[in-house]
């Protein structure tokens, strides 16, 4: 929520429109992955400006951007559900369908070492997954592709 307000200032939930959400997502896409020195305390607009000036710098992942979008979206939807949007004001979730597609390699699928992870094909599902064997049977779980163990 802090990064959103750094970009747009304090806003009533009912005042947040799709344009604001798109500008927020676009700014997040410019944020460098590694932030050191002056960037550690920089605001979102400052980080995005630095990212535009340094196009060679790696950017935060789509998964990170989606987490930021989801956080602001959750606050907005909660506000709408709890009376922060006045009766009679038309409001729809401006963050709906704004999440970015994520690459499978960006996702942290599990925290097992390669020596305890084995591929398997889930029964009744398409695709593949992994089986993580941990120190106790209760800790070992199966997960479909892209899931978390």
Protein backbone atom coordinates (compact mmCIF):
# COMPACT_ATOMS: atom_id res chain seq x y z
CA UNK A 1 0.00 0.00 0.00
CA UNK A 2 2.91 2.33 0.74
CA UNK A 3 4.23 2.15 -2.81
CA UNK A 4 0.78 2.91 -4.23
CA UNK A 5 0.42 5.99 -2.04
CA UNK A 6 3.97 7.08 -2.92
CA UNK A 7 2.85 7.16 -6.54
CA UNK A 8 -0.71 8.48 -6.20
CA UNK A 9 -0.94 9.97 -2.72
CA UNK A 10 -3.72 9.14 -0.26
CA UNK A 11 -6.90 8.32 -2.16
CA UNK A 12 -10.37 7.25 -1.20
CA UNK A 13 -11.11 3.70 -2.36
CA UNK A 14 -13.96 4.99 -4.55
CA UNK A 15 -11.53 7.36 -6.30
CA UNK A 16 -9.14 4.61 -7.41
CA UNK A 17 -9.75 3.91 -11.08
CA UNK A 18 -8.26 1.48 -13.60
CA UNK A 19 -5.91 4.26 -14.77
CA UNK A 20 -4.37 4.44 -11.28
CA UNK A 21 -3.93 0.68 -11.14
CA UNK A 22 -2.31 0.60 -14.60
CA UNK A 23 0.08 3.43 -13.70
CA UNK A 24 1.00 1.56 -10.53
CA UNK A 25 1.67 -1.68 -12.43
CA UNK A 26 3.73 0.18 -15.05
CA UNK A 27 5.83 1.87 -12.36
CA UNK A 28 6.40 -1.48 -10.61
CA UNK A 29 7.67 -2.93 -13.88
CA UNK A 30 10.45 -0.33 -13.92
CA UNK A 31 11.71 -1.11 -10.40
CA UNK A 32 15.21 -2.62 -10.34
CA UNK A 33 15.58 -6.05 -8.78
CA UNK A 34 18.63 -5.08 -6.73
CA UNK A 35 18.28 -1.87 -4.75
CA UNK A 36 21.36 -0.56 -2.98
CA UNK A 37 22.65 2.81 -1.83
CA UNK A 38 20.18 5.64 -2.46
CA UNK A 39 17.61 3.23 -3.89
CA UNK A 40 17.12 1.50 -0.54
CA UNK A 41 15.06 4.39 0.82
CA UNK A 42 13.76 5.61 -2.53
CA UNK A 43 10.07 5.99 -3.27
CA UNK A 44 8.37 4.06 -6.06
CA UNK A 45 8.53 7.03 -8.48
CA UNK A 46 12.27 7.42 -7.75
CA UNK A 47 12.93 3.70 -8.22
CA UNK A 48 10.94 3.63 -11.48
CA UNK A 49 12.81 6.70 -12.77
CA UNK A 50 16.14 5.04 -11.95
CA UNK A 51 14.99 1.90 -13.77
CA UNK A 52 14.10 3.92 -16.89
CA UNK A 53 17.54 5.57 -16.79
CA UNK A 54 19.23 2.15 -16.48
CA UNK A 55 17.44 -0.15 -18.95
CA UNK A 56 20.19 -2.78 -18.60
CA UNK A 57 19.39 -3.35 -14.90
CA UNK A 58 17.36 -6.44 -14.02
CA UNK A 59 13.78 -5.72 -12.95
CA UNK A 60 11.65 -7.24 -10.22
CA UNK A 61 9.84 -10.38 -11.34
CA UNK A 62 6.25 -10.60 -12.47
CA UNK A 63 5.52 -12.62 -9.33
CA UNK A 64 6.75 -9.72 -7.17
CA UNK A 65 4.65 -7.24 -9.13
CA UNK A 66 1.61 -9.50 -8.78
CA UNK A 67 2.11 -9.65 -5.00
CA UNK A 68 2.19 -5.84 -4.83
CA UNK A 69 -0.93 -5.55 -7.02
CA UNK A 70 -2.70 -8.19 -4.94
CA UNK A 71 -1.95 -6.36 -1.70
CA UNK A 72 -3.48 -3.09 -2.87
CA UNK A 73 -6.36 -4.98 -4.47
CA UNK A 74 -7.12 -6.75 -1.19
CA UNK A 75 -7.25 -3.45 0.70
CA UNK A 76 -9.53 -1.90 -1.95
CA UNK A 77 -11.92 -4.85 -2.03
CA UNK A 78 -12.00 -4.97 1.77
CA UNK A 79 -12.78 -1.25 1.82
CA UNK A 80 -15.57 -1.69 -0.70
CA UNK A 81 -17.03 -4.59 1.27
CA UNK A 82 -16.85 -2.64 4.53
CA UNK A 83 -18.52 0.62 3.60
CA UNK A 84 -15.62 2.77 2.38
CA UNK A 85 -17.37 3.20 -0.98
CA UNK A 86 -20.47 5.35 -0.43
CA UNK A 87 -23.85 3.97 -1.43
CA UNK A 88 -24.81 5.05 -4.92
CA UNK A 89 -21.20 5.30 -6.13
CA UNK A 90 -20.40 2.93 -8.97
CA UNK A 91 -17.16 1.15 -8.17
CA UNK A 92 -15.56 -1.93 -9.59
CA UNK A 93 -12.24 -3.49 -8.69
CA UNK A 94 -9.66 -1.54 -10.72
CA UNK A 95 -7.03 -4.27 -10.20
CA UNK A 96 -9.20 -7.00 -11.71
CA UNK A 97 -7.26 -8.86 -14.44
CA UNK A 98 -4.11 -6.73 -14.10
CA UNK A 99 -1.80 -9.47 -12.92
CA UNK A 100 1.11 -10.32 -15.15
CA UNK A 101 1.75 -13.82 -16.44
CA UNK A 102 4.62 -15.39 -14.53
CA UNK A 103 7.33 -17.61 -15.87
CA UNK A 104 7.57 -20.98 -14.22
CA UNK A 105 11.25 -20.35 -13.47
CA UNK A 106 10.28 -17.26 -11.41
CA UNK A 107 8.17 -19.26 -9.01
CA UNK A 108 9.60 -20.88 -5.95
CA UNK A 109 7.96 -24.26 -6.32
CA UNK A 110 9.48 -25.91 -3.28
CA UNK A 111 12.31 -25.76 -0.81
CA UNK A 112 13.76 -29.24 -1.17
CA UNK A 113 17.28 -29.96 -2.26
CA UNK A 114 17.75 -31.58 -5.68
CA UNK A 115 18.83 -34.82 -3.98
CA UNK A 116 15.42 -35.22 -2.27
CA UNK A 117 13.22 -34.14 -5.17
CA UNK A 118 11.99 -36.64 -7.75
CA UNK A 119 9.71 -36.10 -10.77
CA UNK A 120 6.36 -37.86 -11.00
CA UNK A 121 3.17 -37.68 -13.04
CA UNK A 122 0.14 -36.88 -10.85
CA UNK A 123 -2.74 -39.31 -11.14
CA UNK A 124 -5.70 -37.77 -12.99
CA UNK A 125 -3.82 -34.62 -13.93
CA UNK A 126 -2.01 -33.42 -16.97
CA UNK A 127 1.61 -32.39 -16.84
CA UNK A 128 4.24 -33.31 -14.34
CA UNK A 129 5.07 -32.50 -10.78
CA UNK A 130 7.58 -33.32 -8.11
CA UNK A 131 7.78 -35.45 -5.03
CA UNK A 132 9.74 -33.99 -2.16
CA UNK A 133 11.08 -36.49 0.37
CA UNK A 134 11.91 -34.76 3.61
CA UNK A 135 13.15 -36.03 6.95
CA UNK A 136 9.73 -37.14 8.23
CA UNK A 137 6.75 -38.62 6.37
CA UNK A 138 4.51 -35.77 7.58
CA UNK A 139 6.78 -33.22 5.91
CA UNK A 140 6.97 -34.92 2.51
CA UNK A 141 4.11 -33.82 0.27
CA UNK A 142 3.20 -34.06 -3.39
CA UNK A 143 2.43 -31.03 -5.47
CA UNK A 144 1.34 -30.53 -9.04
CA UNK A 145 3.53 -28.59 -11.44
CA UNK A 146 4.03 -25.05 -10.23
CA UNK A 147 2.61 -25.81 -6.79
CA UNK A 148 4.32 -25.50 -3.45
CA UNK A 149 5.38 -28.32 -1.19
